[in-house]
Amino acid sequence: MQPLTNVEFSVSVGSTVPTSVTTLYDCPDNVERILTGLPECKYIVVRDQIVILEPRTRRIVTVIEHRG
């Protein structure tokens, strides 16, 4: 998977990922269990960050710094 490098949206909790970002990846089951209250999640990679979002609204729920 290629990280997005040229984004024109804020990568922060509460921001919305625009529909121009067409590829959203399914979160692994263990991530969904950690994020209680979120029955389904998707993610994208932006530079060195894993961005987890609620797929229906495309709202960012958490941002994880990717290491290694």
PDB file of N, CA and C in Angstrom:
ATOM      1  N   MET A   1       0.844  -1.170   0.000  1.00  0.00           N
ATOM      2  CA  MET A   1       0.000   0.000   0.000  1.00  0.00           C
ATOM      3  C   MET A   1       0.889   1.233   0.000  1.00  0.00           C
ATOM      4  N   GLN A   2       0.558   2.166  -0.846  1.00  0.00           N
ATOM      5  CA  GLN A   2       1.307   3.411  -0.949  1.00  0.00           C
ATOM      6  C   GLN A   2       0.672   4.469  -0.048  1.00  0.00           C
ATOM      7  N   PRO A   3       1.465   5.090   0.827  1.00  0.00           N
ATOM      8  CA  PRO A   3       0.900   6.162   1.649  1.00  0.00           C
ATOM      9  C   PRO A   3       0.548   7.377   0.790  1.00  0.00           C
ATOM     10  N   LEU A   4      -0.470   8.090   1.226  1.00  0.00           N
ATOM     11  CA  LEU A   4      -0.790   9.363   0.579  1.00  0.00           C
ATOM     12  C   LEU A   4       0.245  10.384   1.044  1.00  0.00           C
ATOM     13  N   THR A   5       0.761  11.164   0.134  1.00  0.00           N
ATOM     14  CA  THR A   5       1.778  12.139   0.512  1.00  0.00           C
ATOM     15  C   THR A   5       1.351  13.577   0.240  1.00  0.00           C
ATOM     16  N   ASN A   6       0.431  13.758  -0.681  1.00  0.00           N
ATOM     17  CA  ASN A   6       0.004  15.110  -1.046  1.00  0.00           C
ATOM     18  C   ASN A   6      -1.477  15.252  -0.709  1.00  0.00           C
ATOM     19  N   VAL A   7      -1.773  15.560   0.553  1.00  0.00           N
ATOM     20  CA  VAL A   7      -3.166  15.659   0.975  1.00  0.00           C
ATOM     21  C   VAL A   7      -3.552  17.111   1.178  1.00  0.00           C
ATOM     22  N   GLU A   8      -4.808  17.393   0.898  1.00  0.00           N
ATOM     23  CA  GLU A   8      -5.312  18.756   1.040  1.00  0.00           C
ATOM     24  C   GLU A   8      -6.428  18.810   2.074  1.00  0.00           C
ATOM     25  N   PHE A   9      -6.274  18.019   3.150  1.00  0.00           N
ATOM     26  CA  PHE A   9      -7.229  18.039   4.249  1.00  0.00           C
ATOM     27  C   PHE A   9      -6.440  17.902   5.543  1.00  0.00           C
ATOM     28  N   SER A  10      -7.054  18.316   6.623  1.00  0.00           N
ATOM     29  CA  SER A  10      -6.419  18.255   7.929  1.00  0.00           C
ATOM     30  C   SER A  10      -6.426  16.815   8.440  1.00  0.00           C
ATOM     31  N   VAL A  11      -5.261  16.330   8.797  1.00  0.00           N
ATOM     32  CA  VAL A  11      -5.148  14.983   9.350  1.00  0.00           C
ATOM     33  C   VAL A  11      -5.215  15.119  10.874  1.00  0.00           C
ATOM     34  N   SER A  12      -6.442  15.261  11.373  1.00  0.00           N
ATOM     35  CA  SER A  12      -6.648  15.421  12.811  1.00  0.00           C
ATOM     36  C   SER A  12      -8.010  14.852  13.188  1.00  0.00           C
ATOM     37  N   VAL A  13      -8.122  14.439  14.435  1.00  0.00           N
ATOM     38  CA  VAL A  13      -9.369  13.849  14.929  1.00  0.00           C
ATOM     39  C   VAL A  13     -10.518  14.831  14.724  1.00  0.00           C
ATOM     40  N   GLY A  14     -11.610  14.333  14.168  1.00  0.00           N
ATOM     41  CA  GLY A  14     -12.793  15.145  13.906  1.00  0.00           C
ATOM     42  C   GLY A  14     -12.874  15.674  12.488  1.00  0.00           C
ATOM     43  N   SER A  15     -11.745  15.707  11.779  1.00  0.00           N
ATOM     44  CA  SER A  15     -11.749  16.148  10.385  1.00  0.00           C
ATOM     45  C   SER A  15     -12.371  15.064   9.516  1.00  0.00           C
ATOM     46  N   THR A  16     -12.773  15.444   8.314  1.00  0.00           N
ATOM     47  CA  THR A  16     -13.398  14.518   7.381  1.00  0.00           C
ATOM     48  C   THR A  16     -12.468  14.262   6.209  1.00  0.00           C
ATOM     49  N   VAL A  17     -12.329  13.000   5.842  1.00  0.00           N
ATOM     50  CA  VAL A  17     -11.536  12.626   4.676  1.00  0.00           C
ATOM     51  C   VAL A  17     -12.413  12.827   3.438  1.00  0.00           C
ATOM     52  N   PRO A  18     -11.962  13.630   2.469  1.00  0.00           N
ATOM     53  CA  PRO A  18     -12.805  13.901   1.296  1.00  0.00           C
ATOM     54  C   PRO A  18     -13.020  12.660   0.429  1.00  0.00           C
ATOM     55  N   THR A  19     -14.081  12.702  -0.349  1.00  0.00           N
ATOM     56  CA  THR A  19     -14.409  11.575  -1.227  1.00  0.00           C
ATOM     57  C   THR A  19     -13.394  11.398  -2.355  1.00  0.00           C
ATOM     58  N   SER A  20     -12.523  12.376  -2.555  1.00  0.00           N
ATOM     59  CA  SER A  20     -11.465  12.215  -3.557  1.00  0.00           C
ATOM     60  C   SER A  20     -10.469  11.141  -3.136  1.00  0.00           C
ATOM     61  N   VAL A  21     -10.434  10.812  -1.848  1.00  0.00           N
ATOM     62  CA  VAL A  21      -9.633   9.681  -1.370  1.00  0.00           C
ATOM     63  C   VAL A  21     -10.522   8.450  -1.526  1.00  0.00           C
ATOM     64  N   THR A  22     -10.238   7.669  -2.549  1.00  0.00           N
ATOM     65  CA  THR A  22     -11.165   6.602  -2.938  1.00  0.00           C
ATOM     66  C   THR A  22     -10.855   5.245  -2.316  1.00  0.00           C
ATOM     67  N   THR A  23      -9.619   5.009  -1.893  1.00  0.00           N
ATOM     68  CA  THR A  23      -9.267   3.706  -1.345  1.00  0.00           C
ATOM     69  C   THR A  23      -9.174   3.780   0.168  1.00  0.00           C
ATOM     70  N   LEU A  24     -10.121   3.103   0.816  1.00  0.00           N
ATOM     71  CA  LEU A  24     -10.133   2.984   2.273  1.00  0.00           C
ATOM     72  C   LEU A  24      -9.934   1.508   2.592  1.00  0.00           C
ATOM     73  N   TYR A  25      -9.063   1.216   3.533  1.00  0.00           N
ATOM     74  CA  TYR A  25      -8.753  -0.171   3.877  1.00  0.00           C
ATOM     75  C   TYR A  25      -9.525  -0.605   5.119  1.00  0.00           C
ATOM     76  N   ASP A  26      -9.917  -1.878   5.173  1.00  0.00           N
ATOM     77  CA  ASP A  26     -10.605  -2.430   6.341  1.00  0.00           C
ATOM     78  C   ASP A  26      -9.637  -2.533   7.510  1.00  0.00           C
ATOM     79  N   CYS A  27     -10.082  -2.121   8.691  1.00  0.00           N
ATOM     80  CA  CYS A  27      -9.286  -2.280   9.903  1.00  0.00           C
ATOM     81  C   CYS A  27      -9.278  -3.750  10.308  1.00  0.00           C
ATOM     82  N   PRO A  28      -8.166  -4.217  10.851  1.00  0.00           N
ATOM     83  CA  PRO A  28      -8.150  -5.576  11.398  1.00  0.00           C
ATOM     84  C   PRO A  28      -9.130  -5.692  12.570  1.00  0.00           C
ATOM     85  N   ASP A  29      -9.615  -6.899  12.832  1.00  0.00           N
ATOM     86  CA  ASP A  29     -10.594  -7.117  13.896  1.00  0.00           C
ATOM     87  C   ASP A  29     -10.124  -6.615  15.250  1.00  0.00           C
ATOM     88  N   ASN A  30      -8.839  -6.809  15.579  1.00  0.00           N
ATOM     89  CA  ASN A  30      -8.364  -6.387  16.895  1.00  0.00           C
ATOM     90  C   ASN A  30      -8.409  -4.868  17.054  1.00  0.00           C
ATOM     91  N   VAL A  31      -8.267  -4.116  15.979  1.00  0.00           N
ATOM     92  CA  VAL A  31      -8.376  -2.658  16.055  1.00  0.00           C
ATOM     93  C   VAL A  31      -9.815  -2.262  16.343  1.00  0.00           C
ATOM     94  N   GLU A  32     -10.769  -2.936  15.700  1.00  0.00           N
ATOM     95  CA  GLU A  32     -12.178  -2.624  15.933  1.00  0.00           C
ATOM     96  C   GLU A  32     -12.572  -2.908  17.375  1.00  0.00           C
ATOM     97  N   ARG A  33     -12.004  -3.955  17.971  1.00  0.00           N
ATOM     98  CA  ARG A  33     -12.302  -4.264  19.372  1.00  0.00           C
ATOM     99  C   ARG A  33     -11.753  -3.191  20.300  1.00  0.00           C
ATOM    100  N   ILE A  34     -10.595  -2.642  19.976  1.00  0.00           N
ATOM    101  CA  ILE A  34      -9.992  -1.594  20.803  1.00  0.00           C
ATOM    102  C   ILE A  34     -10.828  -0.322  20.741  1.00  0.00           C
ATOM    103  N   LEU A  35     -11.367  -0.013  19.573  1.00  0.00           N
ATOM    104  CA  LEU A  35     -12.151   1.210  19.382  1.00  0.00           C
ATOM    105  C   LEU A  35     -13.610   0.926  19.727  1.00  0.00           C
ATOM    106  N   THR A  36     -13.906   0.846  20.994  1.00  0.00           N
ATOM    107  CA  THR A  36     -15.272   0.542  21.426  1.00  0.00           C
ATOM    108  C   THR A  36     -16.231   1.617  20.937  1.00  0.00           C
ATOM    109  N   GLY A  37     -17.423   1.179  20.617  1.00  0.00           N
ATOM    110  CA  GLY A  37     -18.434   2.108  20.127  1.00  0.00           C
ATOM    111  C   GLY A  37     -18.350   2.356  18.633  1.00  0.00           C
ATOM    112  N   LEU A  38     -17.398   1.758  17.979  1.00  0.00           N
ATOM    113  CA  LEU A  38     -17.245   1.920  16.539  1.00  0.00           C
ATOM    114  C   LEU A  38     -17.405   0.548  15.896  1.00  0.00           C
ATOM    115  N   PRO A  39     -18.598   0.242  15.376  1.00  0.00           N
ATOM    116  CA  PRO A  39     -18.857  -1.110  14.864  1.00  0.00           C
ATOM    117  C   PRO A  39     -18.035  -1.471  13.633  1.00  0.00           C
ATOM    118  N   GLU A  40     -17.567  -0.482  12.920  1.00  0.00           N
ATOM    119  CA  GLU A  40     -16.776  -0.721  11.712  1.00  0.00           C
ATOM    120  C   GLU A  40     -15.801   0.426  11.577  1.00  0.00           C
ATOM    121  N   CYS A  41     -14.601   0.134  11.080  1.00  0.00           N
ATOM    122  CA  CYS A  41     -13.672   1.225  10.821  1.00  0.00           C
ATOM    123  C   CYS A  41     -12.874   0.929   9.565  1.00  0.00           C
ATOM    124  N   LYS A  42     -12.399   1.963   8.972  1.00  0.00           N
ATOM    125  CA  LYS A  42     -11.519   1.899   7.805  1.00  0.00           C
ATOM    126  C   LYS A  42     -10.273   2.699   8.150  1.00  0.00           C
ATOM    127  N   TYR A  43      -9.238   2.538   7.340  1.00  0.00           N
ATOM    128  CA  TYR A  43      -8.051   3.352   7.571  1.00  0.00           C
ATOM    129  C   TYR A  43      -7.386   3.705   6.250  1.00  0.00           C
ATOM    130  N   ILE A  44      -6.584   4.746   6.329  1.00  0.00           N
ATOM    131  CA  ILE A  44      -5.719   5.156   5.234  1.00  0.00           C
ATOM    132  C   ILE A  44      -4.358   5.451   5.859  1.00  0.00           C
ATOM    133  N   VAL A  45      -3.348   5.530   5.027  1.00  0.00           N
ATOM    134  CA  VAL A  45      -2.024   5.909   5.504  1.00  0.00           C
ATOM    135  C   VAL A  45      -1.664   7.226   4.833  1.00  0.00           C
ATOM    136  N   VAL A  46      -1.342   8.209   5.673  1.00  0.00           N
ATOM    137  CA  VAL A  46      -0.935   9.528   5.180  1.00  0.00           C
ATOM    138  C   VAL A  46       0.481   9.767   5.681  1.00  0.00           C
ATOM    139  N   ARG A  47       1.415   9.813   4.752  1.00  0.00           N
ATOM    140  CA  ARG A  47       2.834   9.935   5.081  1.00  0.00           C
ATOM    141  C   ARG A  47       3.225   8.869   6.107  1.00  0.00           C
ATOM    142  N   ASP A  48       3.531   9.248   7.337  1.00  0.00           N
ATOM    143  CA  ASP A  48       3.941   8.287   8.361  1.00  0.00           C
ATOM    144  C   ASP A  48       2.864   8.108   9.434  1.00  0.00           C
ATOM    145  N   GLN A  49       1.611   8.356   9.065  1.00  0.00           N
ATOM    146  CA  GLN A  49       0.514   8.249  10.018  1.00  0.00           C
ATOM    147  C   GLN A  49      -0.544   7.269   9.513  1.00  0.00           C
ATOM    148  N   ILE A  50      -1.066   6.463  10.446  1.00  0.00           N
ATOM    149  CA  ILE A  50      -2.207   5.603  10.147  1.00  0.00           C
ATOM    150  C   ILE A  50      -3.442   6.353  10.630  1.00  0.00           C
ATOM    151  N   VAL A  51      -4.356   6.607   9.726  1.00  0.00           N
ATOM    152  CA  VAL A  51      -5.534   7.425  10.014  1.00  0.00           C
ATOM    153  C   VAL A  51      -6.755   6.518  10.019  1.00  0.00           C
ATOM    154  N   ILE A  52      -7.384   6.375  11.187  1.00  0.00           N
ATOM    155  CA  ILE A  52      -8.550   5.514  11.329  1.00  0.00           C
ATOM    156  C   ILE A  52      -9.805   6.370  11.271  1.00  0.00           C
ATOM    157  N   LEU A  53     -10.775   5.927  10.457  1.00  0.00           N
ATOM    158  CA  LEU A  53     -11.973   6.729  10.279  1.00  0.00           C
ATOM    159  C   LEU A  53     -13.233   5.888  10.317  1.00  0.00           C
ATOM    160  N   GLU A  54     -14.326   6.568  10.587  1.00  0.00           N
ATOM    161  CA  GLU A  54     -15.650   5.956  10.578  1.00  0.00           C
ATOM    162  C   GLU A  54     -16.109   6.007   9.124  1.00  0.00           C
ATOM    163  N   PRO A  55     -16.349   4.849   8.492  1.00  0.00           N
ATOM    164  CA  PRO A  55     -16.551   4.834   7.042  1.00  0.00           C
ATOM    165  C   PRO A  55     -17.801   5.547   6.544  1.00  0.00           C
ATOM    166  N   ARG A  56     -18.866   5.552   7.314  1.00  0.00           N
ATOM    167  CA  ARG A  56     -20.111   6.169   6.833  1.00  0.00           C
ATOM    168  C   ARG A  56     -19.951   7.686   6.710  1.00  0.00           C
ATOM    169  N   THR A  57     -19.338   8.304   7.711  1.00  0.00           N
ATOM    170  CA  THR A  57     -19.183   9.763   7.706  1.00  0.00           C
ATOM    171  C   THR A  57     -17.816  10.204   7.204  1.00  0.00           C
ATOM    172  N   ARG A  58     -16.858   9.250   7.153  1.00  0.00           N
ATOM    173  CA  ARG A  58     -15.473   9.518   6.764  1.00  0.00           C
ATOM    174  C   ARG A  58     -14.766  10.433   7.769  1.00  0.00           C
ATOM    175  N   ARG A  59     -15.305  10.495   8.992  1.00  0.00           N
ATOM    176  CA  ARG A  59     -14.717  11.319  10.050  1.00  0.00           C
ATOM    177  C   ARG A  59     -13.534  10.583  10.680  1.00  0.00           C
ATOM    178  N   ILE A  60     -12.435  11.292  10.882  1.00  0.00           N
ATOM    179  CA  ILE A  60     -11.245  10.714  11.492  1.00  0.00           C
ATOM    180  C   ILE A  60     -11.494  10.538  12.988  1.00  0.00           C
ATOM    181  N   VAL A  61     -11.277   9.308  13.480  1.00  0.00           N
ATOM    182  CA  VAL A  61     -11.497   9.040  14.903  1.00  0.00           C
ATOM    183  C   VAL A  61     -10.195   8.928  15.678  1.00  0.00           C
ATOM    184  N   THR A  62      -9.117   8.591  15.026  1.00  0.00           N
ATOM    185  CA  THR A  62      -7.816   8.591  15.680  1.00  0.00           C
ATOM    186  C   THR A  62      -6.701   8.607  14.626  1.00  0.00           C
ATOM    187  N   VAL A  63      -5.556   9.107  15.038  1.00  0.00           N
ATOM    188  CA  VAL A  63      -4.376   9.165  14.169  1.00  0.00           C
ATOM    189  C   VAL A  63      -3.229   8.514  14.941  1.00  0.00           C
ATOM    190  N   ILE A  64      -2.592   7.538  14.331  1.00  0.00           N
ATOM    191  CA  ILE A  64      -1.502   6.800  14.957  1.00  0.00           C
ATOM    192  C   ILE A  64      -0.219   7.051  14.180  1.00  0.00           C
ATOM    193  N   GLU A  65       0.826   7.451  14.891  1.00  0.00           N
ATOM    194  CA  GLU A  65       2.130   7.622  14.243  1.00  0.00           C
ATOM    195  C   GLU A  65       2.674   6.246  13.900  1.00  0.00           C
ATOM    196  N   HIS A  66       3.018   6.036  12.648  1.00  0.00           N
ATOM    197  CA  HIS A  66       3.559   4.751  12.206  1.00  0.00           C
ATOM    198  C   HIS A  66       5.069   4.756  12.430  1.00  0.00           C
ATOM    199  N   ARG A  67       5.534   3.738  13.093  1.00  0.00           N
ATOM    200  CA  ARG A  67       6.977   3.633  13.364  1.00  0.00           C
ATOM    201  C   ARG A  67       7.488   2.344  12.749  1.00  0.00           C
ATOM    202  N   GLY A  68       8.504   2.501  11.894  1.00  0.00           N
ATOM    203  CA  GLY A  68       9.128   1.323  11.292  1.00  0.00           C
ATOM    204  C   GLY A  68       8.286   0.763  10.267  1.00  0.00           C
TER     205      GLY A  68
END
